[in-house]
Every structure is written in C-alpha cells, then in structure tokens.
C-alpha cells in the first residue's frame, strides 16, 4: 500500500527484509498467503509474475461488503415487518373468550373420542370383509407358491435319480426332505 507500485517476487524479496523486517526466506510464503486471502493481486505477464495491492481496491471491497450487508438488513427488516403483520392478522378472532375456551374444550373431547373409536375399529379389524378377502388372496398366493416349490423339489429329485441313480430315500435323507412332503390342497 505504501509505495503504490507493481512488484516482482525478486523485488519483494529484496525490499521486505529492509523495510518490514521479514526474512527473505518467508517472503514467498507470506506473499502467497496474501494472494490466497485476496489482499494482494497477481498476474502473469510473459514469463514474469507481478504483484500489487492498492488501497482503493480494499476500500471498494469494503464498500461492496457494506452495501451487501445493508441490503440484507433491509430485506430482513422487511421480512420481520411482514411477519409481524401476519402475526397481528392471525391474532384477530383468537381472543381468549369463554366461547373460545368452550369450543377448544369440545374440540379436545371430540379428538379423544375419535382416538377411542379408531382403537375400537382396529380391535375389530380382522372381521372386516375387505381384510378377510385380502387374507384369502394372500393365502391363495402362498398356497400356489408352496405348491410350485414342492413341484420344483419333485423335479430335482427325479432329475437326480435319473442322472446319478440315487434312491429316493437317500435323496430325501441327504437334503432333509420330509417323507410326507406333498402338494397342498
């Protein structure tokens, strides 16, 4: 900021130890840190890297940040005002009166009665014709699946007897197939 000039790295390595007391070995690290933080600008022109930092850039950055924060404040104030109006509007008709208290009490009683009726319906749910029909369909699907797997077992037993010449009782014993395995009617 003091010299308001553009420098190369080698120039800064000479100037920094004399004027600011920074060791010449750490100048590159400090400069890179400042570039990363956006406090110093850098640009490559040809084969050289140039570094600069002007006070006006920092001033403009602060002004932009201030304007951004002021706009956020204005938006937040507007939103707060809108919410306050909404709260006031919602309070209309909700004043605590005897009639309102009675209606709230009645509402609570009706909700409790609804829960009791729901519990009673759930108790008798298994007698519901729709539920019974659904159970019948589920049972039919399960029966078909069991018969299909039984058929698969018989097919594999038949194939094993033909292919390897095993006895049926030996196959049943080896695979843990019960002797009374049969289709479900």
C-alpha atoms as a PDB file:
ATOM      1  CA  UNK A   1       0.000   0.000   0.000  1.00  0.00           C
ATOM      2  CA  UNK A   2       2.782   2.435   0.924  1.00  0.00           C
ATOM      3  CA  UNK A   3       4.590   2.526  -2.436  1.00  0.00           C
ATOM      4  CA  UNK A   4       1.501   2.049  -4.662  1.00  0.00           C
ATOM      5  CA  UNK A   5       3.561   0.167  -7.233  1.00  0.00           C
ATOM      6  CA  UNK A   6       3.751  -3.198  -9.011  1.00  0.00           C
ATOM      7  CA  UNK A   7       6.498  -5.642  -7.956  1.00  0.00           C
ATOM      8  CA  UNK A   8       8.040  -8.915  -8.977  1.00  0.00           C
ATOM      9  CA  UNK A   9       8.862 -11.606  -6.429  1.00  0.00           C
ATOM     10  CA  UNK A  10      12.607 -10.893  -6.516  1.00  0.00           C
ATOM     11  CA  UNK A  11      11.941  -7.170  -5.860  1.00  0.00           C
ATOM     12  CA  UNK A  12       9.778  -8.035  -2.848  1.00  0.00           C
ATOM     13  CA  UNK A  13      12.419 -10.440  -1.525  1.00  0.00           C
ATOM     14  CA  UNK A  14      14.886  -7.510  -1.502  1.00  0.00           C
ATOM     15  CA  UNK A  15      12.504  -4.816  -0.143  1.00  0.00           C
ATOM     16  CA  UNK A  16      10.666  -6.796   2.595  1.00  0.00           C
ATOM     17  CA  UNK A  17      13.681  -7.596   4.802  1.00  0.00           C
ATOM     18  CA  UNK A  18      14.881  -3.990   4.771  1.00  0.00           C
ATOM     19  CA  UNK A  19      11.600  -2.113   5.239  1.00  0.00           C
ATOM     20  CA  UNK A  20       9.368  -4.571   7.111  1.00  0.00           C
ATOM     21  CA  UNK A  21      11.829  -6.877   8.869  1.00  0.00           C
ATOM     22  CA  UNK A  22      10.539 -10.039   7.162  1.00  0.00           C
ATOM     23  CA  UNK A  23      13.149 -12.699   6.443  1.00  0.00           C
ATOM     24  CA  UNK A  24      13.739 -13.175   2.727  1.00  0.00           C
ATOM     25  CA  UNK A  25      13.028 -16.917   3.027  1.00  0.00           C
ATOM     26  CA  UNK A  26       9.465 -16.390   4.243  1.00  0.00           C
ATOM     27  CA  UNK A  27       8.534 -13.596   1.782  1.00  0.00           C
ATOM     28  CA  UNK A  28       7.267 -16.059  -0.843  1.00  0.00           C
ATOM     29  CA  UNK A  29       5.059 -17.905   1.696  1.00  0.00           C
ATOM     30  CA  UNK A  30       3.634 -14.683   3.130  1.00  0.00           C
ATOM     31  CA  UNK A  31       3.006 -13.301  -0.356  1.00  0.00           C
ATOM     32  CA  UNK A  32       1.216 -16.487  -1.410  1.00  0.00           C
ATOM     33  CA  UNK A  33      -0.918 -16.314   1.736  1.00  0.00           C
ATOM     34  CA  UNK A  34      -1.875 -12.709   0.957  1.00  0.00           C
ATOM     35  CA  UNK A  35      -2.729 -13.662  -2.647  1.00  0.00           C
ATOM     36  CA  UNK A  36      -4.878 -16.561  -1.389  1.00  0.00           C
ATOM     37  CA  UNK A  37      -6.692 -14.217   1.002  1.00  0.00           C
ATOM     38  CA  UNK A  38      -7.344 -11.749  -1.855  1.00  0.00           C
ATOM     39  CA  UNK A  39      -5.372  -8.943  -0.210  1.00  0.00           C
ATOM     40  CA  UNK A  40      -2.711  -8.896  -2.940  1.00  0.00           C
ATOM     41  CA  UNK A  41      -3.379  -9.255  -6.664  1.00  0.00           C
ATOM     42  CA  UNK A  42      -1.121 -11.185  -9.006  1.00  0.00           C
ATOM     43  CA  UNK A  43      -0.885 -11.611 -12.737  1.00  0.00           C
ATOM     44  CA  UNK A  44       1.449 -13.403 -15.103  1.00  0.00           C
ATOM     45  CA  UNK A  45       2.742 -11.230 -17.944  1.00  0.00           C
ATOM     46  CA  UNK A  46       5.066 -13.074 -20.278  1.00  0.00           C
ATOM     47  CA  UNK A  47       7.407 -15.087 -18.107  1.00  0.00           C
ATOM     48  CA  UNK A  48       7.158 -12.832 -15.045  1.00  0.00           C
ATOM     49  CA  UNK A  49       4.681 -12.745 -12.164  1.00  0.00           C
ATOM     50  CA  UNK A  50       3.710  -9.291 -10.941  1.00  0.00           C
ATOM     51  CA  UNK A  51       2.183  -8.499  -7.536  1.00  0.00           C
ATOM     52  CA  UNK A  52       0.341  -5.378  -6.416  1.00  0.00           C
ATOM     53  CA  UNK A  53      -2.069  -4.114  -3.786  1.00  0.00           C
ATOM     54  CA  UNK A  54      -3.673  -0.694  -3.987  1.00  0.00           C
ATOM     55  CA  UNK A  55      -5.582   0.926  -1.105  1.00  0.00           C
ATOM     56  CA  UNK A  56      -8.504   1.764  -3.405  1.00  0.00           C
ATOM     57  CA  UNK A  57      -9.231  -1.941  -4.033  1.00  0.00           C
ATOM     58  CA  UNK A  58      -9.572  -2.655  -0.329  1.00  0.00           C
ATOM     59  CA  UNK A  59     -11.797   0.408   0.050  1.00  0.00           C
ATOM     60  CA  UNK A  60     -14.036  -0.720  -2.814  1.00  0.00           C
ATOM     61  CA  UNK A  61     -14.217  -4.239  -1.402  1.00  0.00           C
ATOM     62  CA  UNK A  62     -15.303  -2.879   1.985  1.00  0.00           C
ATOM     63  CA  UNK A  63     -17.889  -0.622   0.332  1.00  0.00           C
ATOM     64  CA  UNK A  64     -19.324  -3.562  -1.634  1.00  0.00           C
ATOM     65  CA  UNK A  65     -19.494  -5.658   1.527  1.00  0.00           C
ATOM     66  CA  UNK A  66     -21.169  -2.794   3.407  1.00  0.00           C
ATOM     67  CA  UNK A  67     -23.749  -2.343   0.627  1.00  0.00           C
ATOM     68  CA  UNK A  68     -24.416  -6.086   0.581  1.00  0.00           C
ATOM     69  CA  UNK A  69     -24.899  -6.166   4.341  1.00  0.00           C
ATOM     70  CA  UNK A  70     -27.164  -3.110   4.228  1.00  0.00           C
ATOM     71  CA  UNK A  71     -29.338  -4.747   1.560  1.00  0.00           C
ATOM     72  CA  UNK A  72     -29.539  -7.919   3.669  1.00  0.00           C
ATOM     73  CA  UNK A  73     -30.536  -5.800   6.660  1.00  0.00           C
ATOM     74  CA  UNK A  74     -33.256  -4.088   4.627  1.00  0.00           C
ATOM     75  CA  UNK A  75     -34.575  -7.437   3.390  1.00  0.00           C
ATOM     76  CA  UNK A  76     -34.558  -8.856   6.911  1.00  0.00           C
ATOM     77  CA  UNK A  77     -36.349  -5.779   8.269  1.00  0.00           C
ATOM     78  CA  UNK A  78     -38.986  -6.069   5.538  1.00  0.00           C
ATOM     79  CA  UNK A  79     -39.427  -9.766   6.276  1.00  0.00           C
ATOM     80  CA  UNK A  80     -39.727  -9.069  10.019  1.00  0.00           C
ATOM     81  CA  UNK A  81     -42.348  -6.402   9.352  1.00  0.00           C
ATOM     82  CA  UNK A  82     -44.310  -8.777   7.115  1.00  0.00           C
ATOM     83  CA  UNK A  83     -44.187 -11.495   9.755  1.00  0.00           C
ATOM     84  CA  UNK A  84     -45.308  -9.048  12.467  1.00  0.00           C
ATOM     85  CA  UNK A  85     -48.310  -8.080  10.310  1.00  0.00           C
ATOM     86  CA  UNK A  86     -49.065 -11.749   9.738  1.00  0.00           C
ATOM     87  CA  UNK A  87     -48.957 -12.412  13.482  1.00  0.00           C
ATOM     88  CA  UNK A  88     -51.289  -9.498  14.170  1.00  0.00           C
ATOM     89  CA  UNK A  89     -53.653 -10.713  11.438  1.00  0.00           C
ATOM     90  CA  UNK A  90     -53.611 -14.242  12.886  1.00  0.00           C
ATOM     91  CA  UNK A  91     -54.450 -12.963  16.375  1.00  0.00           C
ATOM     92  CA  UNK A  92     -57.715 -11.450  15.113  1.00  0.00           C
ATOM     93  CA  UNK A  93     -60.537 -13.780  16.102  1.00  0.00           C
ATOM     94  CA  UNK A  94     -58.384 -15.708  18.570  1.00  0.00           C
ATOM     95  CA  UNK A  95     -59.006 -13.596  21.609  1.00  0.00           C
ATOM     96  CA  UNK A  96     -59.445 -15.605  24.784  1.00  0.00           C
ATOM     97  CA  UNK A  97     -63.172 -15.650  25.447  1.00  0.00           C
ATOM     98  CA  UNK A  98     -65.463 -18.035  27.269  1.00  0.00           C
ATOM     99  CA  UNK A  99     -66.941 -19.185  23.955  1.00  0.00           C
ATOM    100  CA  UNK A 100     -63.472 -19.934  22.519  1.00  0.00           C
ATOM    101  CA  UNK A 101     -62.474 -21.836  25.667  1.00  0.00           C
ATOM    102  CA  UNK A 102     -65.671 -23.909  25.437  1.00  0.00           C
ATOM    103  CA  UNK A 103     -65.045 -24.667  21.752  1.00  0.00           C
ATOM    104  CA  UNK A 104     -61.427 -25.691  22.455  1.00  0.00           C
ATOM    105  CA  UNK A 105     -62.606 -27.984  25.242  1.00  0.00           C
ATOM    106  CA  UNK A 106     -65.220 -29.524  22.920  1.00  0.00           C
ATOM    107  CA  UNK A 107     -62.577 -29.973  20.211  1.00  0.00           C
ATOM    108  CA  UNK A 108     -60.273 -31.798  22.640  1.00  0.00           C
ATOM    109  CA  UNK A 109     -63.147 -34.067  23.713  1.00  0.00           C
ATOM    110  CA  UNK A 110     -64.029 -34.860  20.092  1.00  0.00           C
ATOM    111  CA  UNK A 111     -60.402 -35.663  19.282  1.00  0.00           C
ATOM    112  CA  UNK A 112     -60.206 -38.003  22.245  1.00  0.00           C
ATOM    113  CA  UNK A 113     -63.452 -39.702  21.174  1.00  0.00           C
ATOM    114  CA  UNK A 114     -62.053 -40.083  17.646  1.00  0.00           C
ATOM    115  CA  UNK A 115     -58.946 -41.839  19.020  1.00  0.00           C
ATOM    116  CA  UNK A 116     -61.123 -44.184  21.107  1.00  0.00           C
ATOM    117  CA  UNK A 117     -63.260 -45.046  18.070  1.00  0.00           C
ATOM    118  CA  UNK A 118     -60.142 -45.650  15.985  1.00  0.00           C
ATOM    119  CA  UNK A 119     -58.813 -48.031  18.636  1.00  0.00           C
ATOM    120  CA  UNK A 120     -62.130 -49.890  18.680  1.00  0.00           C
ATOM    121  CA  UNK A 121     -62.146 -50.183  14.880  1.00  0.00           C
ATOM    122  CA  UNK A 122     -58.602 -51.559  14.978  1.00  0.00           C
ATOM    123  CA  UNK A 123     -59.750 -54.128  17.552  1.00  0.00           C
ATOM    124  CA  UNK A 124     -62.382 -55.453  15.112  1.00  0.00           C
ATOM    125  CA  UNK A 125     -60.231 -55.061  12.037  1.00  0.00           C
ATOM    126  CA  UNK A 126     -59.821 -58.800  11.493  1.00  0.00           C
ATOM    127  CA  UNK A 127     -63.605 -59.127  10.997  1.00  0.00           C
ATOM    128  CA  UNK A 128     -63.640 -56.508   8.249  1.00  0.00           C
ATOM    129  CA  UNK A 129     -64.788 -58.106   4.941  1.00  0.00           C
ATOM    130  CA  UNK A 130     -62.076 -56.298   2.986  1.00  0.00           C
ATOM    131  CA  UNK A 131     -59.373 -57.544   5.360  1.00  0.00           C
ATOM    132  CA  UNK A 132     -60.781 -61.093   5.244  1.00  0.00           C
ATOM    133  CA  UNK A 133     -60.792 -61.034   1.429  1.00  0.00           C
ATOM    134  CA  UNK A 134     -57.224 -59.721   1.392  1.00  0.00           C
ATOM    135  CA  UNK A 135     -56.184 -62.536   3.739  1.00  0.00           C
ATOM    136  CA  UNK A 136     -57.850 -65.090   1.415  1.00  0.00           C
ATOM    137  CA  UNK A 137     -55.970 -63.724  -1.571  1.00  0.00           C
ATOM    138  CA  UNK A 138     -52.700 -63.736   0.369  1.00  0.00           C
ATOM    139  CA  UNK A 139     -53.345 -67.327   1.440  1.00  0.00           C
ATOM    140  CA  UNK A 140     -54.064 -68.343  -2.171  1.00  0.00           C
ATOM    141  CA  UNK A 141     -50.794 -66.782  -3.361  1.00  0.00           C
ATOM    142  CA  UNK A 142     -48.882 -68.516  -0.556  1.00  0.00           C
ATOM    143  CA  UNK A 143     -50.532 -71.864  -1.394  1.00  0.00           C
ATOM    144  CA  UNK A 144     -49.593 -71.522  -5.072  1.00  0.00           C
ATOM    145  CA  UNK A 145     -46.011 -70.646  -4.127  1.00  0.00           C
ATOM    146  CA  UNK A 146     -45.749 -73.644  -1.772  1.00  0.00           C
ATOM    147  CA  UNK A 147     -47.083 -75.983  -4.484  1.00  0.00           C
ATOM    148  CA  UNK A 148     -44.680 -74.509  -7.032  1.00  0.00           C
ATOM    149  CA  UNK A 149     -41.706 -75.186  -4.714  1.00  0.00           C
ATOM    150  CA  UNK A 150     -42.980 -78.666  -3.973  1.00  0.00           C
ATOM    151  CA  UNK A 151     -43.140 -79.276  -7.724  1.00  0.00           C
ATOM    152  CA  UNK A 152     -39.566 -77.951  -8.048  1.00  0.00           C
ATOM    153  CA  UNK A 153     -38.384 -80.348  -5.320  1.00  0.00           C
ATOM    154  CA  UNK A 154     -40.033 -83.314  -7.063  1.00  0.00           C
ATOM    155  CA  UNK A 155     -38.464 -82.273 -10.377  1.00  0.00           C
ATOM    156  CA  UNK A 156     -34.970 -82.067  -8.848  1.00  0.00           C
ATOM    157  CA  UNK A 157     -35.437 -85.427  -7.093  1.00  0.00           C
ATOM    158  CA  UNK A 158     -36.489 -87.004 -10.396  1.00  0.00           C
ATOM    159  CA  UNK A 159     -33.514 -85.485 -12.215  1.00  0.00           C
ATOM    160  CA  UNK A 160     -31.099 -86.642  -9.501  1.00  0.00           C
ATOM    161  CA  UNK A 161     -32.500 -90.214  -9.661  1.00  0.00           C
ATOM    162  CA  UNK A 162     -32.055 -90.296 -13.459  1.00  0.00           C
ATOM    163  CA  UNK A 163     -28.664 -88.578 -13.558  1.00  0.00           C
ATOM    164  CA  UNK A 164     -26.915 -90.190 -10.603  1.00  0.00           C
ATOM    165  CA  UNK A 165     -29.017 -93.290  -9.914  1.00  0.00           C
ATOM    166  CA  UNK A 166     -29.709 -92.378  -6.290  1.00  0.00           C
ATOM    167  CA  UNK A 167     -32.577 -93.907  -4.376  1.00  0.00           C
ATOM    168  CA  UNK A 168     -35.405 -91.535  -3.422  1.00  0.00           C
ATOM    169  CA  UNK A 169     -34.990 -92.201   0.314  1.00  0.00           C
ATOM    170  CA  UNK A 170     -31.276 -91.384   0.090  1.00  0.00           C
ATOM    171  CA  UNK A 171     -32.018 -88.060  -1.665  1.00  0.00           C
ATOM    172  CA  UNK A 172     -34.670 -87.226   0.965  1.00  0.00           C
ATOM    173  CA  UNK A 173     -32.284 -88.028   3.806  1.00  0.00           C
ATOM    174  CA  UNK A 174     -29.340 -86.145   2.238  1.00  0.00           C
ATOM    175  CA  UNK A 175     -31.308 -82.934   1.681  1.00  0.00           C
ATOM    176  CA  UNK A 176     -33.566 -83.124   4.749  1.00  0.00           C
ATOM    177  CA  UNK A 177     -36.764 -83.554   2.731  1.00  0.00           C
ATOM    178  CA  UNK A 178     -39.585 -84.948   4.886  1.00  0.00           C
ATOM    179  CA  UNK A 179     -41.129 -88.256   3.759  1.00  0.00           C
ATOM    180  CA  UNK A 180     -44.663 -86.843   3.885  1.00  0.00           C
ATOM    181  CA  UNK A 181     -43.900 -83.917   1.511  1.00  0.00           C
ATOM    182  CA  UNK A 182     -46.852 -83.434  -0.820  1.00  0.00           C
ATOM    183  CA  UNK A 183     -48.865 -80.742  -2.577  1.00  0.00           C
ATOM    184  CA  UNK A 184     -51.224 -78.531  -0.529  1.00  0.00           C
ATOM    185  CA  UNK A 185     -54.881 -78.895  -1.457  1.00  0.00           C
END
